[in-house]
C-alpha atoms as a PDB file:
ATOM      1  CA  MET A   1      36.460 106.398 131.459  1.00  0.00           C
ATOM      2  CA  GLU A   2      39.438 104.962 129.579  1.00  0.00           C
ATOM      3  CA  LYS A   3      40.905 107.333 127.020  1.00  0.00           C
ATOM      4  CA  LYS A   4      41.345 105.865 123.530  1.00  0.00           C
ATOM      5  CA  ASN A   5      44.633 106.443 121.792  1.00  0.00           C
ATOM      6  CA  SER A   6      44.967 107.831 118.271  1.00  0.00           C
ATOM      7  CA  SER A   7      45.396 104.380 116.723  1.00  0.00           C
ATOM      8  CA  ASP A   8      42.003 103.318 118.183  1.00  0.00           C
ATOM      9  CA  ASN A   9      40.349 106.395 116.637  1.00  0.00           C
ATOM     10  CA  HIS A  10      41.974 105.695 113.287  1.00  0.00           C
ATOM     11  CA  SER A  11      40.736 102.098 113.410  1.00  0.00           C
ATOM     12  CA  ASN A  12      37.152 103.206 114.138  1.00  0.00           C
ATOM     13  CA  ASP A  13      37.194 105.759 111.318  1.00  0.00           C
ATOM     14  CA  GLU A  14      38.538 103.161 108.915  1.00  0.00           C
ATOM     15  CA  SER A  15      35.861 100.667 109.963  1.00  0.00           C
ATOM     16  CA  LYS A  16      33.111 103.246 109.452  1.00  0.00           C
ATOM     17  CA  THR A  17      34.402 104.078 105.978  1.00  0.00           C
ATOM     18  CA  THR A  18      34.677 100.391 105.049  1.00  0.00           C
ATOM     19  CA  ASP A  19      31.128  99.604 106.203  1.00  0.00           C
ATOM     20  CA  PHE A  20      29.500 102.617 104.523  1.00  0.00           C
ATOM     21  CA  ARG A  21      27.307 101.955 101.510  1.00  0.00           C
ATOM     22  CA  ALA A  22      26.149 104.257  98.724  1.00  0.00           C
ATOM     23  CA  GLY A  23      24.338 103.846  95.429  1.00  0.00           C
ATOM     24  CA  PHE A  24      21.310 104.392  93.231  1.00  0.00           C
ATOM     25  CA  ILE A  25      17.844 102.890  93.789  1.00  0.00           C
ATOM     26  CA  SER A  26      15.272 103.110  90.981  1.00  0.00           C
ATOM     27  CA  ILE A  27      11.601 103.159  92.000  1.00  0.00           C
ATOM     28  CA  VAL A  28       9.353 101.516  89.388  1.00  0.00           C
ATOM     29  CA  GLY A  29       5.688 100.631  89.167  1.00  0.00           C
ATOM     30  CA  ALA A  30       2.409 101.317  87.418  1.00  0.00           C
ATOM     31  CA  PRO A  31       0.882 104.810  87.349  1.00  0.00           C
ATOM     32  CA  ASN A  32      -0.785 105.815  90.633  1.00  0.00           C
ATOM     33  CA  VAL A  33       0.877 103.033  92.627  1.00  0.00           C
ATOM     34  CA  GLY A  34       2.381 105.556  95.056  1.00  0.00           C
ATOM     35  CA  LYS A  35       5.997 105.953  93.901  1.00  0.00           C
ATOM     36  CA  SER A  36       6.015 109.721  94.383  1.00  0.00           C
ATOM     37  CA  THR A  37       4.218 109.437  97.729  1.00  0.00           C
ATOM     38  CA  PHE A  38       6.868 106.942  98.832  1.00  0.00           C
ATOM     39  CA  LEU A  39       9.678 109.260  97.764  1.00  0.00           C
ATOM     40  CA  ASN A  40       8.143 112.231  99.560  1.00  0.00           C
ATOM     41  CA  ARG A  41       7.659 110.111 102.700  1.00  0.00           C
ATOM     42  CA  VAL A  42      11.278 108.918 102.700  1.00  0.00           C
ATOM     43  CA  MET A  43      12.625 112.412 102.053  1.00  0.00           C
ATOM     44  CA  GLU A  44      10.177 114.077 104.470  1.00  0.00           C
ATOM     45  CA  GLY A  45       9.452 116.760 101.896  1.00  0.00           C
ATOM     46  CA  HIS A  46       7.731 117.652  98.622  1.00  0.00           C
ATOM     47  CA  PHE A  47      10.137 116.160  96.090  1.00  0.00           C
ATOM     48  CA  ALA A  48       7.740 114.718  93.524  1.00  0.00           C
ATOM     49  CA  ILE A  49       4.314 115.646  92.172  1.00  0.00           C
ATOM     50  CA  VAL A  50       1.447 113.750  93.811  1.00  0.00           C
ATOM     51  CA  THR A  51      -2.018 113.807  92.214  1.00  0.00           C
ATOM     52  CA  ASP A  52      -4.865 111.326  91.789  1.00  0.00           C
ATOM     53  CA  LYS A  53      -4.231 111.201  88.039  1.00  0.00           C
ATOM     54  CA  PRO A  54      -2.054 108.499  86.446  1.00  0.00           C
ATOM     55  CA  GLN A  55       1.269 109.173  84.716  1.00  0.00           C
ATOM     56  CA  THR A  56       1.973 112.329  86.695  1.00  0.00           C
ATOM     57  CA  THR A  57       5.716 111.682  86.908  1.00  0.00           C
ATOM     58  CA  ARG A  58       7.328 112.436  83.572  1.00  0.00           C
ATOM     59  CA  THR A  59      10.963 113.179  84.353  1.00  0.00           C
ATOM     60  CA  VAL A  60      13.384 110.967  86.266  1.00  0.00           C
ATOM     61  CA  ILE A  61      13.740 112.599  89.704  1.00  0.00           C
ATOM     62  CA  ARG A  62      16.707 111.972  92.005  1.00  0.00           C
ATOM     63  CA  ALA A  63      16.549 112.425  95.788  1.00  0.00           C
ATOM     64  CA  ILE A  64      19.390 111.708  98.219  1.00  0.00           C
ATOM     65  CA  LYS A  65      18.627 110.082 101.579  1.00  0.00           C
ATOM     66  CA  ASN A  66      21.575 110.299 103.958  1.00  0.00           C
ATOM     67  CA  LEU A  67      21.775 107.772 106.808  1.00  0.00           C
ATOM     68  CA  ASP A  68      24.537 107.121 109.339  1.00  0.00           C
ATOM     69  CA  ASN A  69      25.723 104.068 107.425  1.00  0.00           C
ATOM     70  CA  ALA A  70      24.490 104.716 103.881  1.00  0.00           C
ATOM     71  CA  GLN A  71      23.693 107.248 101.214  1.00  0.00           C
ATOM     72  CA  MET A  72      20.674 106.206  99.150  1.00  0.00           C
ATOM     73  CA  ILE A  73      20.064 108.022  95.874  1.00  0.00           C
ATOM     74  CA  PHE A  74      16.435 107.321  94.957  1.00  0.00           C
ATOM     75  CA  ILE A  75      15.295 107.690  91.351  1.00  0.00           C
ATOM     76  CA  ASP A  76      11.555 108.198  90.833  1.00  0.00           C
ATOM     77  CA  THR A  77      10.691 107.000  87.325  1.00  0.00           C
ATOM     78  CA  PRO A  78       7.638 107.501  85.075  1.00  0.00           C
ATOM     79  CA  GLY A  79       4.781 105.032  85.608  1.00  0.00           C
ATOM     80  CA  LEU A  80       4.859 101.806  83.601  1.00  0.00           C
ATOM     81  CA  HIS A  81       1.859 101.349  81.303  1.00  0.00           C
ATOM     82  CA  THR A  82       0.911  99.503  78.134  1.00  0.00           C
ATOM     83  CA  SER A  83       0.118 102.529  75.939  1.00  0.00           C
ATOM     84  CA  GLN A  84       1.570 102.352  72.438  1.00  0.00           C
ATOM     85  CA  LYS A  85       1.814 106.128  71.995  1.00  0.00           C
ATOM     86  CA  ALA A  86       5.308 107.259  71.007  1.00  0.00           C
ATOM     87  CA  PHE A  87       5.542 109.699  73.931  1.00  0.00           C
ATOM     88  CA  ASN A  88       4.604 107.011  76.455  1.00  0.00           C
ATOM     89  CA  LYS A  89       7.147 104.614  74.948  1.00  0.00           C
ATOM     90  CA  ILE A  90       9.786 107.285  75.582  1.00  0.00           C
ATOM     91  CA  LEU A  91       8.763 107.423  79.261  1.00  0.00           C
ATOM     92  CA  ILE A  92       8.947 103.631  79.610  1.00  0.00           C
ATOM     93  CA  GLN A  93      12.394 103.567  78.005  1.00  0.00           C
ATOM     94  CA  SER A  94      13.463 106.291  80.432  1.00  0.00           C
ATOM     95  CA  ALA A  95      12.397 104.094  83.364  1.00  0.00           C
ATOM     96  CA  LEU A  96      14.182 101.062  81.891  1.00  0.00           C
ATOM     97  CA  ASN A  97      17.411 103.023  81.394  1.00  0.00           C
ATOM     98  CA  ALA A  98      17.287 104.250  85.002  1.00  0.00           C
ATOM     99  CA  CYS A  99      16.847 100.687  86.306  1.00  0.00           C
ATOM    100  CA  LYS A 100      19.698  99.254  84.265  1.00  0.00           C
ATOM    101  CA  GLU A 101      22.028 101.960  85.546  1.00  0.00           C
ATOM    102  CA  SER A 102      21.005 101.556  89.210  1.00  0.00           C
ATOM    103  CA  ASP A 103      22.445  99.421  91.994  1.00  0.00           C
ATOM    104  CA  VAL A 104      19.019  98.299  93.281  1.00  0.00           C
ATOM    105  CA  VAL A 105      15.489  98.316  91.836  1.00  0.00           C
ATOM    106  CA  LEU A 106      12.505  98.924  94.133  1.00  0.00           C
ATOM    107  CA  ALA A 107       9.278  97.743  92.487  1.00  0.00           C
ATOM    108  CA  LEU A 108       5.983  99.000  93.916  1.00  0.00           C
ATOM    109  CA  ILE A 109       2.564  97.433  93.386  1.00  0.00           C
ATOM    110  CA  SER A 110      -0.731  98.420  94.956  1.00  0.00           C
ATOM    111  CA  ALA A 111      -2.363  96.147  97.542  1.00  0.00           C
ATOM    112  CA  GLU A 112      -5.636  96.966  95.769  1.00  0.00           C
ATOM    113  CA  LYS A 113      -4.314  95.628  92.464  1.00  0.00           C
ATOM    114  CA  ILE A 114      -2.278  92.557  93.379  1.00  0.00           C
ATOM    115  CA  HIS A 115      -4.171  90.532  90.757  1.00  0.00           C
ATOM    116  CA  HIS A 116      -4.149  92.982  87.885  1.00  0.00           C
ATOM    117  CA  GLU A 117      -2.731  93.358  84.387  1.00  0.00           C
ATOM    118  CA  GLU A 118      -0.492  96.148  85.759  1.00  0.00           C
ATOM    119  CA  THR A 119       1.341  93.553  87.859  1.00  0.00           C
ATOM    120  CA  GLU A 120       1.804  91.313  84.825  1.00  0.00           C
ATOM    121  CA  PHE A 121       3.208  94.224  82.840  1.00  0.00           C
ATOM    122  CA  LEU A 122       5.573  95.054  85.707  1.00  0.00           C
ATOM    123  CA  LEU A 123       6.812  91.468  85.786  1.00  0.00           C
ATOM    124  CA  THR A 124       7.447  91.582  82.038  1.00  0.00           C
ATOM    125  CA  PHE A 125       9.357  94.837  82.483  1.00  0.00           C
ATOM    126  CA  LEU A 126      11.475  93.464  85.333  1.00  0.00           C
ATOM    127  CA  ARG A 127      12.492  90.374  83.361  1.00  0.00           C
ATOM    128  CA  ASP A 128      14.675  92.697  81.273  1.00  0.00           C
ATOM    129  CA  ILE A 129      16.622  93.647  84.419  1.00  0.00           C
ATOM    130  CA  ARG A 130      18.283  90.424  85.546  1.00  0.00           C
ATOM    131  CA  GLN A 131      21.564  91.631  86.976  1.00  0.00           C
ATOM    132  CA  THR A 132      20.268  94.219  89.460  1.00  0.00           C
ATOM    133  CA  PRO A 133      19.024  93.278  92.971  1.00  0.00           C
ATOM    134  CA  LEU A 134      15.244  93.687  93.181  1.00  0.00           C
ATOM    135  CA  VAL A 135      12.994  94.425  96.166  1.00  0.00           C
ATOM    136  CA  LEU A 136       9.182  94.384  95.984  1.00  0.00           C
ATOM    137  CA  ALA A 137       7.008  96.694  98.106  1.00  0.00           C
ATOM    138  CA  ILE A 138       3.250  96.126  98.297  1.00  0.00           C
ATOM    139  CA  ASN A 139       1.914  99.634  98.916  1.00  0.00           C
ATOM    140  CA  LYS A 140      -1.420 101.002 100.203  1.00  0.00           C
ATOM    141  CA  ILE A 141      -1.937  98.302 102.841  1.00  0.00           C
ATOM    142  CA  ASP A 142      -3.715 101.017 104.871  1.00  0.00           C
ATOM    143  CA  LYS A 143      -6.689 100.687 102.492  1.00  0.00           C
ATOM    144  CA  LEU A 144      -7.138  96.937 103.028  1.00  0.00           C
ATOM    145  CA  GLU A 145      -6.579  94.282 105.601  1.00  0.00           C
ATOM    146  CA  LEU A 146      -2.961  93.096 105.455  1.00  0.00           C
ATOM    147  CA  PRO A 147      -2.805  91.339 102.077  1.00  0.00           C
ATOM    148  CA  ASP A 148      -1.569  87.783 101.721  1.00  0.00           C
ATOM    149  CA  THR A 149       1.772  88.206  99.993  1.00  0.00           C
ATOM    150  CA  THR A 150       2.309  84.475  99.438  1.00  0.00           C
ATOM    151  CA  GLU A 151       0.851  84.287  95.933  1.00  0.00           C
ATOM    152  CA  ILE A 152       2.417  87.514  94.697  1.00  0.00           C
ATOM    153  CA  SER A 153       5.727  86.409  96.196  1.00  0.00           C
ATOM    154  CA  LYS A 154       5.498  83.241  94.072  1.00  0.00           C
ATOM    155  CA  ASP A 155       5.005  85.338  90.935  1.00  0.00           C
ATOM    156  CA  PHE A 156       8.074  87.416  91.687  1.00  0.00           C
ATOM    157  CA  SER A 157      10.150  84.469  92.941  1.00  0.00           C
ATOM    158  CA  SER A 158      10.666  83.488  89.295  1.00  0.00           C
ATOM    159  CA  LEU A 159      12.910  86.541  89.037  1.00  0.00           C
ATOM    160  CA  PRO A 160      16.464  85.464  89.968  1.00  0.00           C
ATOM    161  CA  ASN A 161      17.306  88.845  91.475  1.00  0.00           C
ATOM    162  CA  ILE A 162      14.399  89.204  93.969  1.00  0.00           C
ATOM    163  CA  LYS A 163      15.671  89.940  97.493  1.00  0.00           C
ATOM    164  CA  GLY A 164      12.512  90.505  99.540  1.00  0.00           C
ATOM    165  CA  VAL A 165       8.831  91.460  99.694  1.00  0.00           C
ATOM    166  CA  TYR A 166       7.596  94.206 102.054  1.00  0.00           C
ATOM    167  CA  PRO A 167       4.009  95.359 102.781  1.00  0.00           C
ATOM    168  CA  ILE A 168       4.035  99.148 103.320  1.00  0.00           C
ATOM    169  CA  SER A 169       1.891 102.258 103.461  1.00  0.00           C
ATOM    170  CA  ALA A 170       3.749 105.163 101.883  1.00  0.00           C
ATOM    171  CA  LEU A 171       0.910 107.453 102.939  1.00  0.00           C
ATOM    172  CA  LEU A 172       1.108 106.562 106.648  1.00  0.00           C
ATOM    173  CA  GLY A 173       4.770 105.545 106.776  1.00  0.00           C
ATOM    174  CA  SER A 174       4.199 102.021 108.063  1.00  0.00           C
ATOM    175  CA  GLY A 175       6.682  99.353 106.997  1.00  0.00           C
ATOM    176  CA  ILE A 176       9.104 101.934 105.591  1.00  0.00           C
ATOM    177  CA  ASP A 177      11.991 101.461 108.061  1.00  0.00           C
ATOM    178  CA  PRO A 178      12.609  97.716 107.487  1.00  0.00           C
ATOM    179  CA  LEU A 179      12.340  98.315 103.741  1.00  0.00           C
ATOM    180  CA  LEU A 180      14.961 101.072 103.881  1.00  0.00           C
ATOM    181  CA  LYS A 181      17.242  98.836 105.959  1.00  0.00           C
ATOM    182  CA  THR A 182      17.164  96.125 103.296  1.00  0.00           C
ATOM    183  CA  LEU A 183      17.676  98.600 100.456  1.00  0.00           C
ATOM    184  CA  ALA A 184      20.704 100.089 102.216  1.00  0.00           C
ATOM    185  CA  GLU A 185      22.235  96.645 102.795  1.00  0.00           C
ATOM    186  CA  LEU A 186      21.953  95.847  99.083  1.00  0.00           C
ATOM    187  CA  LEU A 187      23.931  98.914  98.026  1.00  0.00           C
ATOM    188  CA  PRO A 188      27.641  98.471  97.243  1.00  0.00           C
ATOM    189  CA  LYS A 189      30.249  99.445  99.814  1.00  0.00           C
ATOM    190  CA  SER A 190      31.321 102.925  98.874  1.00  0.00           C
ATOM    191  CA  PRO A 191      32.016 106.346 100.352  1.00  0.00           C
ATOM    192  CA  PRO A 192      29.232 108.930  99.876  1.00  0.00           C
ATOM    193  CA  LEU A 193      28.687 109.925  96.249  1.00  0.00           C
ATOM    194  CA  PHE A 194      27.289 113.358  97.173  1.00  0.00           C
ATOM    195  CA  PRO A 195      27.949 115.823 100.042  1.00  0.00           C
ATOM    196  CA  PRO A 196      26.108 114.740 103.228  1.00  0.00           C
ATOM    197  CA  ASP A 197      23.934 117.877 103.326  1.00  0.00           C
ATOM    198  CA  MET A 198      22.749 117.469  99.732  1.00  0.00           C
ATOM    199  CA  GLU A 199      19.181 116.173  99.192  1.00  0.00           C
ATOM    200  CA  THR A 200      18.967 116.285  95.391  1.00  0.00           C
ATOM    201  CA  ASP A 201      20.985 117.113  92.299  1.00  0.00           C
ATOM    202  CA  MET A 202      17.920 118.513  90.540  1.00  0.00           C
ATOM    203  CA  THR A 203      17.945 122.270  89.918  1.00  0.00           C
ATOM    204  CA  GLU A 204      15.729 124.874  91.561  1.00  0.00           C
ATOM    205  CA  ARG A 205      14.284 125.604  88.113  1.00  0.00           C
ATOM    206  CA  PHE A 206      13.225 121.965  87.854  1.00  0.00           C
ATOM    207  CA  PHE A 207      11.322 122.042  91.146  1.00  0.00           C
ATOM    208  CA  ALA A 208       9.655 125.329  90.189  1.00  0.00           C
ATOM    209  CA  SER A 209       8.447 123.859  86.896  1.00  0.00           C
ATOM    210  CA  GLU A 210       7.177 120.696  88.620  1.00  0.00           C
ATOM    211  CA  ILE A 211       5.200 122.662  91.219  1.00  0.00           C
ATOM    212  CA  ILE A 212       3.500 124.669  88.459  1.00  0.00           C
ATOM    213  CA  ARG A 213       2.809 121.507  86.455  1.00  0.00           C
ATOM    214  CA  GLU A 214       1.288 119.873  89.527  1.00  0.00           C
ATOM    215  CA  LYS A 215      -1.235 122.709  89.847  1.00  0.00           C
ATOM    216  CA  ILE A 216      -2.192 122.341  86.185  1.00  0.00           C
ATOM    217  CA  PHE A 217      -2.810 118.634  86.821  1.00  0.00           C
ATOM    218  CA  LEU A 218      -5.009 119.425  89.797  1.00  0.00           C
ATOM    219  CA  LEU A 219      -7.021 122.200  88.131  1.00  0.00           C
ATOM    220  CA  THR A 220      -7.563 120.772  84.631  1.00  0.00           C
ATOM    221  CA  LYS A 221      -8.938 117.522  83.220  1.00  0.00           C
ATOM    222  CA  ASP A 222      -8.964 115.128  80.264  1.00  0.00           C
ATOM    223  CA  GLU A 223      -5.876 115.339  78.040  1.00  0.00           C
ATOM    224  CA  ILE A 224      -4.856 118.875  79.043  1.00  0.00           C
ATOM    225  CA  PRO A 225      -2.337 118.073  81.818  1.00  0.00           C
ATOM    226  CA  TYR A 226      -0.698 115.326  79.754  1.00  0.00           C
ATOM    227  CA  GLU A 227      -0.093 117.567  76.748  1.00  0.00           C
ATOM    228  CA  ILE A 228       1.552 120.493  78.537  1.00  0.00           C
ATOM    229  CA  ALA A 229       5.135 121.201  79.510  1.00  0.00           C
ATOM    230  CA  VAL A 230       6.372 123.945  81.826  1.00  0.00           C
ATOM    231  CA  GLU A 231       9.561 125.824  80.971  1.00  0.00           C
ATOM    232  CA  ILE A 232      11.143 128.244  83.445  1.00  0.00           C
ATOM    233  CA  ASP A 233      12.176 131.252  81.357  1.00  0.00           C
ATOM    234  CA  GLN A 234      13.385 133.434  84.250  1.00  0.00           C
ATOM    235  CA  PHE A 235      14.457 132.490  87.760  1.00  0.00           C
ATOM    236  CA  LYS A 236      16.240 135.168  89.734  1.00  0.00           C
ATOM    237  CA  GLU A 237      16.289 136.674  93.208  1.00  0.00           C
ATOM    238  CA  ASP A 238      15.501 140.369  93.652  1.00  0.00           C
ATOM    239  CA  LYS A 239      17.593 141.048  96.752  1.00  0.00           C
ATOM    240  CA  GLU A 240      16.288 144.585  97.195  1.00  0.00           C
ATOM    241  CA  LYS A 241      12.704 143.333  97.454  1.00  0.00           C
ATOM    242  CA  ASN A 242      13.687 140.018  99.109  1.00  0.00           C
ATOM    243  CA  MET A 243      11.697 138.244  96.413  1.00  0.00           C
ATOM    244  CA  LEU A 244      12.155 135.410  93.930  1.00  0.00           C
ATOM    245  CA  VAL A 245      11.041 136.364  90.425  1.00  0.00           C
ATOM    246  CA  ILE A 246       9.902 133.447  88.247  1.00  0.00           C
ATOM    247  CA  THR A 247       8.597 133.604  84.692  1.00  0.00           C
ATOM    248  CA  ALA A 248       7.255 130.321  83.331  1.00  0.00           C
ATOM    249  CA  ILE A 249       6.007 129.327  79.890  1.00  0.00           C
ATOM    250  CA  ILE A 250       3.281 126.677  79.683  1.00  0.00           C
ATOM    251  CA  HIS A 251       3.662 124.876  76.348  1.00  0.00           C
ATOM    252  CA  VAL A 252       0.516 123.313  74.820  1.00  0.00           C
ATOM    253  CA  ASN A 253      -0.155 121.405  71.612  1.00  0.00           C
ATOM    254  CA  ARG A 254      -3.176 123.288  70.257  1.00  0.00           C
ATOM    255  CA  PRO A 255      -4.782 126.763  70.410  1.00  0.00           C
ATOM    256  CA  SER A 256      -7.888 125.225  72.022  1.00  0.00           C
ATOM    257  CA  GLN A 257      -5.713 124.021  74.919  1.00  0.00           C
ATOM    258  CA  LYS A 258      -4.299 127.509  75.339  1.00  0.00           C
ATOM    259  CA  ARG A 259      -7.824 128.899  75.686  1.00  0.00           C
ATOM    260  CA  ILE A 260      -8.667 126.257  78.298  1.00  0.00           C
ATOM    261  CA  ILE A 261      -5.512 126.920  80.356  1.00  0.00           C
ATOM    262  CA  ILE A 262      -6.155 130.677  80.337  1.00  0.00           C
ATOM    263  CA  GLY A 263      -9.863 130.249  81.092  1.00  0.00           C
ATOM    264  CA  LYS A 264     -12.701 132.724  80.815  1.00  0.00           C
ATOM    265  CA  ASP A 265     -11.375 136.221  81.551  1.00  0.00           C
ATOM    266  CA  GLY A 266      -8.098 134.584  82.649  1.00  0.00           C
ATOM    267  CA  ASP A 267      -9.746 132.888  85.625  1.00  0.00           C
ATOM    268  CA  LEU A 268      -7.998 129.501  85.363  1.00  0.00           C
ATOM    269  CA  ILE A 269      -4.488 130.834  84.774  1.00  0.00           C
ATOM    270  CA  LYS A 270      -4.977 133.043  87.836  1.00  0.00           C
ATOM    271  CA  LYS A 271      -5.997 130.036  89.941  1.00  0.00           C
ATOM    272  CA  ILE A 272      -2.991 128.064  88.703  1.00  0.00           C
ATOM    273  CA  GLY A 273      -0.705 130.987  89.500  1.00  0.00           C
ATOM    274  CA  MET A 274      -2.106 131.542  92.998  1.00  0.00           C
ATOM    275  CA  ALA A 275      -1.883 127.859  93.930  1.00  0.00           C
ATOM    276  CA  ALA A 276       1.613 127.506  92.482  1.00  0.00           C
ATOM    277  CA  ARG A 277       2.915 130.683  94.117  1.00  0.00           C
ATOM    278  CA  LYS A 278       1.771 129.472  97.544  1.00  0.00           C
ATOM    279  CA  ASP A 279       3.693 126.199  97.198  1.00  0.00           C
ATOM    280  CA  LEU A 280       6.710 127.903  95.627  1.00  0.00           C
ATOM    281  CA  GLU A 281       6.967 130.241  98.625  1.00  0.00           C
ATOM    282  CA  GLU A 282       6.761 127.295 101.016  1.00  0.00           C
ATOM    283  CA  PHE A 283       9.367 125.367  99.017  1.00  0.00           C
ATOM    284  CA  PHE A 284      11.897 128.183  98.584  1.00  0.00           C
ATOM    285  CA  HIS A 285      11.138 130.021 101.875  1.00  0.00           C
ATOM    286  CA  ILE A 286      10.910 133.414 100.172  1.00  0.00           C
ATOM    287  CA  HIS A 287       8.229 135.641  98.647  1.00  0.00           C
ATOM    288  CA  VAL A 288       7.634 134.776  94.985  1.00  0.00           C
ATOM    289  CA  TYR A 289       6.509 136.888  92.054  1.00  0.00           C
ATOM    290  CA  LEU A 290       5.188 134.434  89.450  1.00  0.00           C
ATOM    291  CA  ASP A 291       4.399 135.350  85.851  1.00  0.00           C
ATOM    292  CA  LEU A 292       2.773 132.649  83.695  1.00  0.00           C
ATOM    293  CA  TRP A 293       2.540 132.626  79.904  1.00  0.00           C
ATOM    294  CA  VAL A 294       0.891 130.062  77.607  1.00  0.00           C
ATOM    295  CA  ARG A 295       2.459 129.238  74.246  1.00  0.00           C
ATOM    296  CA  VAL A 296       1.227 126.920  71.481  1.00  0.00           C
ATOM    297  CA  ASN A 297       3.976 124.553  70.315  1.00  0.00           C
ATOM    298  CA  LYS A 298       2.318 122.144  67.928  1.00  0.00           C
ATOM    299  CA  ASN A 299       3.528 118.541  68.294  1.00  0.00           C
ATOM    300  CA  TRP A 300       6.121 119.410  70.955  1.00  0.00           C
ATOM    301  CA  MET A 301       5.653 115.887  72.347  1.00  0.00           C
ATOM    302  CA  LYS A 302       7.142 114.484  69.105  1.00  0.00           C
ATOM    303  CA  ASN A 303      10.023 116.948  68.940  1.00  0.00           C
ATOM    304  CA  PRO A 304      13.274 115.360  70.271  1.00  0.00           C
ATOM    305  CA  ARG A 305      14.915 118.757  70.760  1.00  0.00           C
ATOM    306  CA  MET A 306      12.079 120.027  72.959  1.00  0.00           C
ATOM    307  CA  LEU A 307      11.860 116.724  74.841  1.00  0.00           C
ATOM    308  CA  ARG A 308      15.546 117.127  75.716  1.00  0.00           C
ATOM    309  CA  GLU A 309      15.061 120.760  76.723  1.00  0.00           C
ATOM    310  CA  PHE A 310      12.248 119.725  79.092  1.00  0.00           C
ATOM    311  CA  GLY A 311      14.367 116.906  80.566  1.00  0.00           C
ATOM    312  CA  ILE A 312      12.081 114.120  79.331  1.00  0.00           C
ATOM    313  CA  ILE A 313      14.800 112.663  77.108  1.00  0.00           C
ATOM    314  CA  THR A 314      18.233 112.611  78.724  1.00  0.00           C
ATOM    315  CA  ARG A 315      20.252 110.925  75.996  1.00  0.00           C
END
């Protein structure tokens, strides 16, 4: 085999650096369209809450996918919906800000709801983002025969920045690879923006709070999960006991919600704690001691200071 000289090696390294791409990709769509499932599939891990209830994602979540030729920083945004409530308007503005600051926008719609008011609302939302390359993914094709994308493609073709339409199943992973290839090609040429072994810039406290909030979503109903916030008060490792000690405060709007979260004889708060501790131990790979408290904070959802503390408002 012919031995390459140092100048050849330098040329190859330079070419690799020149061809590398890196940037931010915002994921947008209606509630329950599968944005978090898509993110977890791409990252091959539990990065975002997944439940069967709409509007589960509340905070912009960033996950870093490192490929040989690209670094893709995905941003999972809150679901887009037509509610006029002040809190929901804050979530929609958060999604819009993320899109305007991204290099690419990935819009997801459900194959089950191609002809739906949610799609119309998404189109209206995307018309405010004219300068950013846009890719459409039609998700949940595993639940139907392969949908005809012709008509929906016509609807989105009116957007000057549309770059492609891809049928996918985030749940099964089908159609993901060609979609990722296109997204990577649309990113600007750039060296990596984060270290190659880094998968997120979110804190461990954030993931702990999201895991606990997910269990509240799964174990409660009606307005309860939407009117709670989880604050990590203590997060420290007890090296002597080889244990992670977490104290979390569940903020609610009303005393009646506190009673529901605690449950009769503390039954529900125990179930939440057991389910959360199991996932926390799997996530952090260490034994976890979890202490949950419930605190009434009337109208916290209208309090800008608290919304910033919980990461819902970032500016």
